[in-house]
N, C-alpha and C. Protein backbone atom coordinates (compact mmCIF):
# COMPACT_ATOMS: atom_id res chain seq x y z
N MET A 1 19.00 81.93 13.87
CA MET A 1 17.33 81.37 13.66
C MET A 1 16.78 81.04 15.12
N THR A 2 17.92 79.90 15.22
CA THR A 2 17.54 79.00 16.62
C THR A 2 18.06 79.17 18.19
N ARG A 3 18.81 80.36 18.23
CA ARG A 3 19.21 81.33 18.68
C ARG A 3 18.22 81.95 19.99
N ALA A 4 17.12 82.98 18.50
CA ALA A 4 16.68 84.04 19.01
C ALA A 4 15.06 83.19 19.35
N ILE A 5 14.97 82.00 19.31
CA ILE A 5 13.91 81.02 19.27
C ILE A 5 14.14 80.61 21.07
N MET A 6 15.74 79.83 20.63
CA MET A 6 15.78 79.70 22.67
C MET A 6 15.66 80.90 22.84
N GLU A 7 15.75 82.28 22.62
CA GLU A 7 15.65 82.79 24.13
C GLU A 7 14.22 83.62 23.70
N GLY A 8 13.59 83.78 22.83
CA GLY A 8 12.39 84.13 23.11
C GLY A 8 11.27 82.50 24.18
N VAL A 9 12.25 81.75 24.12
CA VAL A 9 11.12 80.75 25.33
C VAL A 9 12.07 81.15 26.43
N ALA A 10 13.03 81.25 26.56
CA ALA A 10 13.60 82.18 28.24
C ALA A 10 12.69 83.19 28.68
N TYR A 11 12.31 84.27 27.81
CA TYR A 11 11.41 84.99 27.80
C TYR A 11 10.06 83.82 29.08
N SER A 12 9.80 83.30 27.85
CA SER A 12 8.66 82.97 28.56
C SER A 12 8.52 82.05 29.55
N TYR A 13 9.62 81.49 30.56
CA TYR A 13 10.21 80.99 30.74
C TYR A 13 9.83 82.22 32.15
N ARG A 14 10.73 83.15 32.02
CA ARG A 14 10.67 85.00 32.52
C ARG A 14 9.25 84.44 33.17
N ASP A 15 8.46 85.71 32.16
CA ASP A 15 7.17 85.62 32.56
C ASP A 15 6.65 84.16 33.24
N CYS A 16 6.75 82.92 33.19
CA CYS A 16 5.90 81.79 34.33
C CYS A 16 6.96 82.11 35.47
N LEU A 17 7.74 82.69 35.81
CA LEU A 17 8.22 83.28 37.11
C LEU A 17 8.53 84.81 37.65
N SER A 18 7.73 85.35 36.65
CA SER A 18 7.26 86.82 36.79
C SER A 18 5.94 86.24 37.62
N ILE A 19 4.83 85.54 37.02
CA ILE A 19 3.55 85.18 37.60
C ILE A 19 3.34 84.97 39.03
N MET A 20 4.36 83.68 38.99
CA MET A 20 5.20 82.80 39.76
C MET A 20 4.97 83.96 41.40
N GLU A 21 5.92 84.57 40.90
CA GLU A 21 6.55 85.76 42.24
C GLU A 21 5.73 86.10 42.41
N ASN A 22 4.45 87.10 41.55
CA ASN A 22 3.54 88.04 41.97
C ASN A 22 2.16 87.36 42.73
N LEU A 23 2.66 85.67 42.59
CA LEU A 23 1.45 85.47 43.51
C LEU A 23 1.91 84.56 44.93
N GLY A 24 3.09 84.84 45.02
CA GLY A 24 4.22 85.26 46.47
C GLY A 24 4.77 83.55 46.40
N ILE A 25 5.17 82.98 45.63
CA ILE A 25 5.92 81.70 45.67
C ILE A 25 7.12 82.23 44.90
N LYS A 26 8.01 82.35 45.38
CA LYS A 26 10.12 82.44 45.42
C LYS A 26 10.41 81.18 45.20
N ALA A 27 11.07 81.06 43.44
CA ALA A 27 11.04 80.20 43.34
C ALA A 27 13.43 80.43 44.01
N ASN A 28 13.65 79.04 44.62
CA ASN A 28 14.36 78.80 45.20
C ASN A 28 15.48 78.05 44.67
N ARG A 29 15.44 77.53 43.75
CA ARG A 29 16.50 76.66 43.11
C ARG A 29 15.88 76.58 41.26
N ILE A 30 16.18 76.32 40.60
CA ILE A 30 15.96 76.14 39.16
C ILE A 30 16.62 75.39 38.87
N ILE A 31 15.69 74.47 38.53
CA ILE A 31 16.54 72.56 37.59
C ILE A 31 16.08 72.85 36.84
N ALA A 32 17.35 72.38 35.52
CA ALA A 32 16.67 71.82 34.58
C ALA A 32 17.25 70.25 33.91
N SER A 33 16.16 69.80 33.49
CA SER A 33 16.27 68.64 33.54
C SER A 33 16.13 68.04 31.77
N GLY A 34 15.76 66.54 31.68
CA GLY A 34 15.77 66.24 30.49
C GLY A 34 17.02 66.59 29.07
N GLY A 35 16.36 66.57 27.83
CA GLY A 35 17.36 67.05 26.47
C GLY A 35 18.22 68.19 26.34
N GLY A 36 17.23 69.50 26.79
CA GLY A 36 17.80 70.31 26.25
C GLY A 36 19.21 71.16 28.12
N ALA A 37 18.76 69.83 28.84
CA ALA A 37 19.54 70.21 29.87
C ALA A 37 20.94 69.36 29.69
N ARG A 38 21.35 68.96 28.27
CA ARG A 38 23.06 68.76 27.97
C ARG A 38 23.87 70.10 27.40
N SER A 39 22.62 70.38 26.81
CA SER A 39 22.83 72.52 25.94
C SER A 39 23.83 73.00 27.04
N PRO A 40 25.24 73.00 26.59
CA PRO A 40 25.75 74.59 27.80
C PRO A 40 24.76 76.16 26.80
N LEU A 41 24.61 76.10 25.86
CA LEU A 41 24.52 77.01 25.52
C LEU A 41 22.97 77.73 25.94
N TRP A 42 22.21 76.73 25.05
CA TRP A 42 20.62 76.64 25.76
C TRP A 42 20.41 77.15 27.67
N LEU A 43 21.19 76.41 28.86
CA LEU A 43 21.51 76.66 30.10
C LEU A 43 22.14 77.74 30.44
N GLN A 44 23.02 77.81 29.35
CA GLN A 44 23.01 79.57 29.86
C GLN A 44 22.23 80.53 29.24
N ILE A 45 22.22 81.14 28.45
CA ILE A 45 20.55 81.43 27.46
C ILE A 45 20.02 81.70 29.19
N GLN A 46 19.29 80.33 29.73
CA GLN A 46 18.06 80.28 30.32
C GLN A 46 18.37 80.81 31.65
N SER A 47 20.15 80.56 32.58
CA SER A 47 20.46 81.54 33.76
C SER A 47 20.60 83.20 33.37
N ASP A 48 20.89 83.72 32.27
CA ASP A 48 21.18 84.81 31.74
C ASP A 48 19.73 85.96 31.55
N VAL A 49 18.71 84.87 30.81
CA VAL A 49 17.51 85.76 30.75
C VAL A 49 16.80 85.61 32.39
N LEU A 50 16.84 84.73 32.72
CA LEU A 50 16.52 84.49 34.60
C LEU A 50 17.19 85.45 35.13
N GLY A 51 18.15 85.43 34.97
CA GLY A 51 19.71 86.40 36.35
C GLY A 51 19.55 85.34 37.62
N HIS A 52 18.87 83.83 37.35
CA HIS A 52 18.77 82.50 38.10
C HIS A 52 19.96 81.57 37.57
N GLU A 53 21.13 81.18 38.79
CA GLU A 53 21.83 80.32 38.95
C GLU A 53 20.49 79.44 38.49
N ILE A 54 21.34 78.14 37.51
CA ILE A 54 20.40 76.89 37.13
C ILE A 54 21.55 75.59 37.19
N ARG A 55 20.16 75.01 37.71
CA ARG A 55 21.32 73.25 37.91
C ARG A 55 20.69 72.31 37.38
N THR A 56 21.48 71.85 36.53
CA THR A 56 21.19 70.57 36.59
C THR A 56 21.30 69.30 37.38
N THR A 57 20.70 68.01 37.16
CA THR A 57 20.83 66.87 38.11
C THR A 57 22.29 65.45 37.24
N GLY A 58 21.59 64.79 38.04
CA GLY A 58 22.18 63.52 37.86
C GLY A 58 22.05 62.71 37.48
N VAL A 59 21.18 62.91 36.78
CA VAL A 59 20.29 62.42 35.98
C VAL A 59 19.95 62.55 34.86
N THR A 60 19.35 61.99 33.97
CA THR A 60 19.54 61.79 32.43
C THR A 60 18.25 61.67 32.15
N GLU A 61 17.24 60.66 32.35
CA GLU A 61 15.59 60.67 32.10
C GLU A 61 14.75 60.56 33.54
N GLN A 62 14.75 62.53 33.69
CA GLN A 62 14.18 62.47 34.97
C GLN A 62 12.60 62.11 35.30
N ALA A 63 11.60 61.82 34.27
CA ALA A 63 10.38 60.84 33.91
C ALA A 63 10.49 59.97 34.26
N SER A 64 10.79 58.64 34.09
CA SER A 64 11.22 57.70 34.05
C SER A 64 11.66 57.30 35.70
N PHE A 65 12.73 58.29 35.83
CA PHE A 65 13.66 57.76 37.32
C PHE A 65 12.54 58.34 38.58
N GLY A 66 11.24 59.49 38.27
CA GLY A 66 10.64 59.78 39.55
C GLY A 66 9.50 58.69 38.93
N ALA A 67 9.13 58.33 37.97
CA ALA A 67 8.09 57.31 37.98
C ALA A 67 8.51 56.12 39.14
N ALA A 68 10.15 55.44 38.82
CA ALA A 68 10.07 54.44 39.87
C ALA A 68 10.38 54.18 40.71
N LEU A 69 10.52 55.87 41.47
CA LEU A 69 10.90 56.89 42.90
C LEU A 69 9.39 56.53 43.22
N ALA A 70 8.24 56.71 42.67
CA ALA A 70 7.53 56.54 43.56
C ALA A 70 7.23 54.80 43.07
N ALA A 71 7.02 54.38 42.69
CA ALA A 71 6.94 52.90 42.05
C ALA A 71 7.81 52.61 43.77
N GLY A 72 8.35 52.36 44.16
CA GLY A 72 8.85 52.03 45.15
C GLY A 72 8.07 52.46 46.18
N VAL A 73 8.20 53.30 46.17
CA VAL A 73 7.68 53.93 47.25
C VAL A 73 5.38 52.87 47.20
N GLY A 74 5.04 52.98 46.36
CA GLY A 74 3.80 53.15 46.36
C GLY A 74 3.96 50.64 46.63
N VAL A 75 4.92 50.46 45.74
CA VAL A 75 4.17 49.05 46.97
C VAL A 75 5.48 48.72 48.31
N GLY A 76 6.25 49.67 48.86
CA GLY A 76 6.29 49.66 50.01
C GLY A 76 8.15 49.47 50.51
N LEU A 77 9.13 49.96 49.25
CA LEU A 77 9.65 49.16 49.02
C LEU A 77 10.70 51.26 49.90
N PHE A 78 10.20 52.15 49.80
CA PHE A 78 10.53 52.98 50.10
C PHE A 78 9.22 53.60 51.75
N ALA A 79 9.63 54.66 52.07
CA ALA A 79 8.73 55.00 53.47
C ALA A 79 8.07 56.37 53.11
N ASP A 80 8.12 57.17 51.74
CA ASP A 80 7.90 58.15 51.11
C ASP A 80 9.28 58.74 50.24
N ILE A 81 8.65 59.45 49.60
CA ILE A 81 9.54 60.36 48.09
C ILE A 81 10.89 60.95 48.95
N PRO A 82 11.29 61.89 50.10
CA PRO A 82 12.09 61.90 50.43
C PRO A 82 12.80 60.90 50.46
N THR A 83 12.51 60.06 51.23
CA THR A 83 13.40 58.46 51.71
C THR A 83 13.83 58.20 50.11
N ALA A 84 12.93 57.81 49.66
CA ALA A 84 13.35 57.63 48.21
C ALA A 84 14.82 58.55 46.97
N CYS A 85 14.56 59.60 47.73
CA CYS A 85 15.44 59.94 46.57
C CYS A 85 16.56 60.13 47.66
N SER A 86 16.92 60.76 48.87
CA SER A 86 18.14 60.69 49.62
C SER A 86 18.75 58.94 49.64
N ARG A 87 17.90 57.96 48.88
CA ARG A 87 18.99 57.19 48.97
C ARG A 87 18.88 56.71 47.74
N LEU A 88 18.80 56.90 46.73
CA LEU A 88 18.20 56.95 44.87
C LEU A 88 19.08 57.43 44.26
N LEU A 89 18.91 59.34 44.66
CA LEU A 89 19.66 60.15 43.36
C LEU A 89 20.79 60.45 43.54
N PRO A 90 21.59 60.41 42.68
CA PRO A 90 22.62 60.04 43.01
C PRO A 90 22.83 62.26 42.96
N GLY A 91 24.14 63.13 42.91
CA GLY A 91 24.37 64.31 43.35
C GLY A 91 23.49 64.44 42.16
N GLU A 92 23.88 66.16 42.05
CA GLU A 92 23.81 67.42 41.35
C GLU A 92 24.99 67.21 40.91
N GLY A 93 24.01 68.16 39.74
CA GLY A 93 24.91 67.84 38.16
C GLY A 93 26.26 69.48 37.43
N GLN A 94 25.95 69.79 37.20
CA GLN A 94 26.52 71.05 36.83
C GLN A 94 25.40 72.44 37.31
N ILE A 95 26.24 73.43 37.90
CA ILE A 95 25.98 74.37 38.56
C ILE A 95 26.33 75.62 37.19
N ILE A 96 24.60 76.23 36.55
CA ILE A 96 25.06 77.63 35.50
C ILE A 96 24.90 78.75 36.13
N TYR A 97 26.00 79.66 36.55
CA TYR A 97 25.64 81.25 36.99
C TYR A 97 25.44 81.83 35.89
N PRO A 98 24.78 82.91 35.97
CA PRO A 98 24.29 83.85 35.03
C PRO A 98 25.70 85.34 34.74
N ASP A 99 25.11 85.17 34.01
CA ASP A 99 26.77 87.05 33.55
C ASP A 99 25.88 87.66 33.28
N PRO A 100 26.62 88.65 34.41
CA PRO A 100 26.53 90.17 34.92
C PRO A 100 25.82 91.13 33.12
N ALA A 101 26.77 91.26 32.15
CA ALA A 101 26.06 92.18 31.09
C ALA A 101 25.78 91.14 30.82
N ARG A 102 25.02 90.19 30.43
CA ARG A 102 24.44 89.75 28.85
C ARG A 102 23.58 89.19 29.81
N SER A 103 22.93 89.34 31.77
CA SER A 103 21.85 89.42 31.06
C SER A 103 21.22 91.34 32.45
N LYS A 104 22.20 92.09 32.12
CA LYS A 104 21.33 93.41 32.05
C LYS A 104 21.06 93.70 29.91
N ILE A 105 21.96 93.17 29.00
CA ILE A 105 21.17 93.23 27.85
C ILE A 105 19.61 92.40 28.29
N TYR A 106 20.09 91.19 28.22
CA TYR A 106 18.39 89.98 28.63
C TYR A 106 17.60 91.20 29.24
N ASP A 107 17.51 91.89 29.95
CA ASP A 107 16.52 92.77 31.16
C ASP A 107 15.77 93.44 29.95
N ARG A 108 16.44 94.01 29.17
CA ARG A 108 16.28 95.48 28.09
C ARG A 108 15.19 94.57 26.94
N GLY A 109 15.94 93.58 26.85
CA GLY A 109 15.48 92.98 25.28
C GLY A 109 14.07 91.77 26.44
N TYR A 110 13.94 92.12 27.43
CA TYR A 110 12.96 91.18 28.06
C TYR A 110 11.99 92.49 28.18
N SER A 111 11.78 93.65 28.43
CA SER A 111 10.81 95.07 28.68
C SER A 111 10.66 94.53 27.47
N ILE A 112 11.30 95.09 25.92
CA ILE A 112 11.05 95.10 23.82
C ILE A 112 9.68 93.42 24.16
N TYR A 113 11.07 92.43 24.67
CA TYR A 113 9.46 91.24 24.18
C TYR A 113 8.31 91.02 25.09
N ARG A 114 8.15 92.10 26.48
CA ARG A 114 6.79 92.01 27.19
C ARG A 114 5.99 93.46 26.08
N ASP A 115 6.69 94.53 25.72
CA ASP A 115 5.76 94.87 25.23
C ASP A 115 5.50 94.03 23.44
N LEU A 116 6.11 93.74 23.21
CA LEU A 116 6.04 93.25 21.38
C LEU A 116 4.71 91.93 22.28
N TYR A 117 4.46 91.27 23.38
CA TYR A 117 3.83 90.55 23.32
C TYR A 117 2.22 90.71 23.50
N ARG A 118 2.20 92.04 24.43
CA ARG A 118 1.24 92.68 24.49
C ARG A 118 0.63 93.43 23.74
N SER A 119 1.96 93.97 22.32
CA SER A 119 1.05 94.06 21.33
C SER A 119 -0.04 93.26 20.13
N VAL A 120 0.68 92.15 20.15
CA VAL A 120 0.73 91.08 18.59
C VAL A 120 -0.72 90.03 20.16
N SER A 121 -0.91 89.92 21.33
CA SER A 121 -1.69 88.63 21.29
C SER A 121 -3.75 89.29 21.39
N SER A 122 -3.91 90.00 20.57
CA SER A 122 -5.31 90.33 20.47
C SER A 122 -4.91 88.67 19.18
N PHE A 123 -3.55 88.68 18.45
CA PHE A 123 -3.96 88.39 17.17
C PHE A 123 -4.00 86.80 17.44
N GLY A 124 -3.99 86.65 18.48
CA GLY A 124 -4.19 84.70 18.44
C GLY A 124 -5.75 84.68 19.22
N GLU A 125 -5.97 86.04 19.85
CA GLU A 125 -8.28 85.16 19.25
C GLU A 125 -8.03 85.32 18.31
N ARG A 126 -7.82 85.94 17.20
CA ARG A 126 -8.68 86.16 16.07
C ARG A 126 -8.04 85.44 14.72
N LEU A 127 -7.37 84.60 14.89
CA LEU A 127 -6.32 83.61 14.73
C LEU A 127 -7.05 82.16 15.25
N ALA A 128 -7.48 81.92 16.64
CA ALA A 128 -8.53 80.93 16.77
C ALA A 128 -10.19 81.19 16.07
N GLY A 129 -10.04 82.48 15.53
CA GLY A 129 -11.53 82.20 15.16
C GLY A 129 -11.74 82.06 13.81
N LEU A 130 -10.36 81.76 13.23
CA LEU A 130 -10.76 81.37 11.96
C LEU A 130 -10.96 79.69 11.01
N ASN A 131 -10.93 79.09 12.73
CA ASN A 131 -11.85 77.37 12.44
C ASN A 131 -10.35 77.03 11.54
N LEU A 132 -9.40 76.92 10.83
CA LEU A 132 -9.00 76.01 10.42
C LEU A 132 -8.85 74.66 10.70
């Protein structure tokens, strides 16, 4: 059950990536962060579903680290965000590469996911109308 949830979320990420690409925005690098980035299985599923390598960072707490960088720029400690990053960010974490055989299976699964999504999307509107 847990793996099915992870795969569904990864398919949703793939939808987002597809929308970006249709808008002319190409993802040159995909970076995973936060608690989920500590799960090798979760990272591998994302990489396989997206068909892209996934990179992790050397920073465990991205949000607080980013806030600290911005504060450093705000008080004049650094000239700008790129300067702060070059001075303070540790090296990259790991790189997870997609498995071509699993990616092919996920490509077929994604097609089914899209068909299912289209067939049940109207139910969300109907449920929203219940005013629970």
